Amino acid sequence: MKTPRGPGPRKVDPKARQEAATALAITALSFVAADPEHLGRFLSLTGIGPESIRAAARQPGFLLGVLDYLAGDEALLLAFANQNDFDPEDVQRARAALADGEVT
């Protein structure tokens, strides 16, 4: 007798995946922006002025940069994950989703 199987792996809607990744990246940007030291370092590395953050946040490449910044500092990544109840790997998954959605 065969054991009944569940529905199997669910196929994730690419649009929903992109939206979730964007939301996580915006949460990450808010997290970085809440700490003047981290924000100053992030702005210094990106060359973006504080007055340009809102406009830049609408660009997928910028959001990739936010996730890269977060992933590049393990202590910061873990603090973000703990504060926002994320698995640290969610940042890498979100980065991959945003990278997949970029038009080159």
C-alpha atoms as a PDB file:
ATOM      1  CA  MET A   1       0.000   0.000   0.000  1.00  0.00           C
ATOM      2  CA  LYS A   2       1.356   3.406  -0.922  1.00  0.00           C
ATOM      3  CA  THR A   3       1.502   6.165   1.604  1.00  0.00           C
ATOM      4  CA  PRO A   4      -0.450   9.212   0.479  1.00  0.00           C
ATOM      5  CA  ARG A   5       1.790  12.084  -0.496  1.00  0.00           C
ATOM      6  CA  GLY A   6       1.218  15.701   0.210  1.00  0.00           C
ATOM      7  CA  PRO A   7       0.962  18.228  -2.550  1.00  0.00           C
ATOM      8  CA  GLY A   8       4.754  18.236  -2.931  1.00  0.00           C
ATOM      9  CA  PRO A   9       6.941  21.278  -3.176  1.00  0.00           C
ATOM     10  CA  ARG A  10       4.994  24.415  -3.811  1.00  0.00           C
ATOM     11  CA  LYS A  11       5.987  26.549  -6.723  1.00  0.00           C
ATOM     12  CA  VAL A  12       6.564  30.080  -5.508  1.00  0.00           C
ATOM     13  CA  ASP A  13       5.116  32.888  -7.567  1.00  0.00           C
ATOM     14  CA  PRO A  14       8.083  34.933  -8.868  1.00  0.00           C
ATOM     15  CA  LYS A  15       6.218  38.204  -8.328  1.00  0.00           C
ATOM     16  CA  ALA A  16       5.431  37.282  -4.710  1.00  0.00           C
ATOM     17  CA  ARG A  17       9.078  36.265  -4.217  1.00  0.00           C
ATOM     18  CA  GLN A  18      10.256  39.643  -5.566  1.00  0.00           C
ATOM     19  CA  GLU A  19       7.792  41.532  -3.368  1.00  0.00           C
ATOM     20  CA  ALA A  20       8.882  39.619  -0.254  1.00  0.00           C
ATOM     21  CA  ALA A  21      12.554  40.229  -1.095  1.00  0.00           C
ATOM     22  CA  THR A  22      11.905  43.937  -1.623  1.00  0.00           C
ATOM     23  CA  ALA A  23      10.047  44.155   1.692  1.00  0.00           C
ATOM     24  CA  LEU A  24      12.911  42.442   3.516  1.00  0.00           C
ATOM     25  CA  ALA A  25      15.452  44.781   1.886  1.00  0.00           C
ATOM     26  CA  ILE A  26      13.416  47.841   2.888  1.00  0.00           C
ATOM     27  CA  THR A  27      13.236  46.480   6.441  1.00  0.00           C
ATOM     28  CA  ALA A  28      17.024  46.058   6.308  1.00  0.00           C
ATOM     29  CA  LEU A  29      17.440  49.645   5.093  1.00  0.00           C
ATOM     30  CA  SER A  30      15.279  50.895   7.974  1.00  0.00           C
ATOM     31  CA  PHE A  31      17.375  48.843  10.377  1.00  0.00           C
ATOM     32  CA  VAL A  32      20.625  50.328   9.049  1.00  0.00           C
ATOM     33  CA  ALA A  33      19.173  53.850   8.971  1.00  0.00           C
ATOM     34  CA  ALA A  34      18.115  53.599  12.619  1.00  0.00           C
ATOM     35  CA  ASP A  35      21.756  53.507  13.744  1.00  0.00           C
ATOM     36  CA  PRO A  36      23.740  56.650  12.847  1.00  0.00           C
ATOM     37  CA  GLU A  37      27.065  54.773  12.869  1.00  0.00           C
ATOM     38  CA  HIS A  38      25.866  52.066  10.486  1.00  0.00           C
ATOM     39  CA  LEU A  39      24.052  54.581   8.297  1.00  0.00           C
ATOM     40  CA  GLY A  40      27.147  56.765   8.055  1.00  0.00           C
ATOM     41  CA  ARG A  41      29.296  53.794   7.070  1.00  0.00           C
ATOM     42  CA  PHE A  42      26.710  52.597   4.537  1.00  0.00           C
ATOM     43  CA  LEU A  43      26.430  56.059   2.962  1.00  0.00           C
ATOM     44  CA  SER A  44      30.196  56.367   2.848  1.00  0.00           C
ATOM     45  CA  LEU A  45      30.545  53.014   1.074  1.00  0.00           C
ATOM     46  CA  THR A  46      27.773  53.708  -1.430  1.00  0.00           C
ATOM     47  CA  GLY A  47      28.559  57.362  -2.067  1.00  0.00           C
ATOM     48  CA  ILE A  48      24.882  58.239  -1.699  1.00  0.00           C
ATOM     49  CA  GLY A  49      23.884  61.300   0.269  1.00  0.00           C
ATOM     50  CA  PRO A  50      21.236  61.092   2.987  1.00  0.00           C
ATOM     51  CA  GLU A  51      18.888  63.206   0.871  1.00  0.00           C
ATOM     52  CA  SER A  52      18.964  60.586  -1.911  1.00  0.00           C
ATOM     53  CA  ILE A  53      18.108  57.478   0.096  1.00  0.00           C
ATOM     54  CA  ARG A  54      14.355  57.527  -0.566  1.00  0.00           C
ATOM     55  CA  ALA A  55      14.801  57.809  -4.321  1.00  0.00           C
ATOM     56  CA  ALA A  56      17.600  55.233  -4.351  1.00  0.00           C
ATOM     57  CA  ALA A  57      15.500  52.771  -2.316  1.00  0.00           C
ATOM     58  CA  ARG A  58      13.171  52.425  -5.295  1.00  0.00           C
ATOM     59  CA  GLN A  59      15.978  50.893  -7.346  1.00  0.00           C
ATOM     60  CA  PRO A  60      16.528  47.107  -7.108  1.00  0.00           C
ATOM     61  CA  GLY A  61      20.289  47.570  -7.430  1.00  0.00           C
ATOM     62  CA  PHE A  62      20.297  49.806  -4.381  1.00  0.00           C
ATOM     63  CA  LEU A  63      18.331  47.281  -2.364  1.00  0.00           C
ATOM     64  CA  LEU A  64      20.837  44.613  -3.405  1.00  0.00           C
ATOM     65  CA  GLY A  65      23.530  46.878  -2.016  1.00  0.00           C
ATOM     66  CA  VAL A  66      21.675  47.159   1.287  1.00  0.00           C
ATOM     67  CA  LEU A  67      21.511  43.371   1.566  1.00  0.00           C
ATOM     68  CA  ASP A  68      25.169  43.043   0.563  1.00  0.00           C
ATOM     69  CA  TYR A  69      26.122  45.554   3.247  1.00  0.00           C
ATOM     70  CA  LEU A  70      24.157  43.627   5.842  1.00  0.00           C
ATOM     71  CA  ALA A  71      25.527  40.245   4.750  1.00  0.00           C
ATOM     72  CA  GLY A  72      29.078  41.613   4.812  1.00  0.00           C
ATOM     73  CA  ASP A  73      28.989  42.171   8.570  1.00  0.00           C
ATOM     74  CA  GLU A  74      28.039  38.998  10.440  1.00  0.00           C
ATOM     75  CA  ALA A  75      27.349  40.769  13.745  1.00  0.00           C
ATOM     76  CA  LEU A  76      25.098  43.286  11.993  1.00  0.00           C
ATOM     77  CA  LEU A  77      23.353  40.508  10.045  1.00  0.00           C
ATOM     78  CA  LEU A  78      22.657  38.532  13.216  1.00  0.00           C
ATOM     79  CA  ALA A  79      21.403  41.640  15.036  1.00  0.00           C
ATOM     80  CA  PHE A  80      19.061  42.393  12.120  1.00  0.00           C
ATOM     81  CA  ALA A  81      17.818  38.801  11.964  1.00  0.00           C
ATOM     82  CA  ASN A  82      17.212  38.650  15.718  1.00  0.00           C
ATOM     83  CA  GLN A  83      15.485  42.017  15.917  1.00  0.00           C
ATOM     84  CA  ASN A  84      13.190  41.243  12.977  1.00  0.00           C
ATOM     85  CA  ASP A  85      12.648  37.528  13.602  1.00  0.00           C
ATOM     86  CA  PHE A  86      14.289  36.479  10.319  1.00  0.00           C
ATOM     87  CA  ASP A  87      16.579  33.562   9.616  1.00  0.00           C
ATOM     88  CA  PRO A  88      19.914  35.096   8.547  1.00  0.00           C
ATOM     89  CA  GLU A  89      19.683  32.954   5.392  1.00  0.00           C
ATOM     90  CA  ASP A  90      16.559  34.934   4.443  1.00  0.00           C
ATOM     91  CA  VAL A  91      18.868  37.810   3.572  1.00  0.00           C
ATOM     92  CA  GLN A  92      20.738  35.648   1.044  1.00  0.00           C
ATOM     93  CA  ARG A  93      17.464  34.331  -0.377  1.00  0.00           C
ATOM     94  CA  ALA A  94      16.133  37.876  -0.715  1.00  0.00           C
ATOM     95  CA  ARG A  95      19.353  38.964  -2.376  1.00  0.00           C
ATOM     96  CA  ALA A  96      19.066  36.118  -4.881  1.00  0.00           C
ATOM     97  CA  ALA A  97      15.431  37.021  -5.613  1.00  0.00           C
ATOM     98  CA  LEU A  98      16.310  40.658  -6.232  1.00  0.00           C
ATOM     99  CA  ALA A  99      19.289  39.712  -8.390  1.00  0.00           C
ATOM    100  CA  ASP A 100      17.084  37.381 -10.466  1.00  0.00           C
ATOM    101  CA  GLY A 101      14.646  40.228 -11.087  1.00  0.00           C
ATOM    102  CA  GLU A 102      17.231  42.707 -12.341  1.00  0.00           C
ATOM    103  CA  VAL A 103      17.172  43.637 -15.983  1.00  0.00           C
ATOM    104  CA  THR A 104      20.639  43.838 -17.457  1.00  0.00           C
END
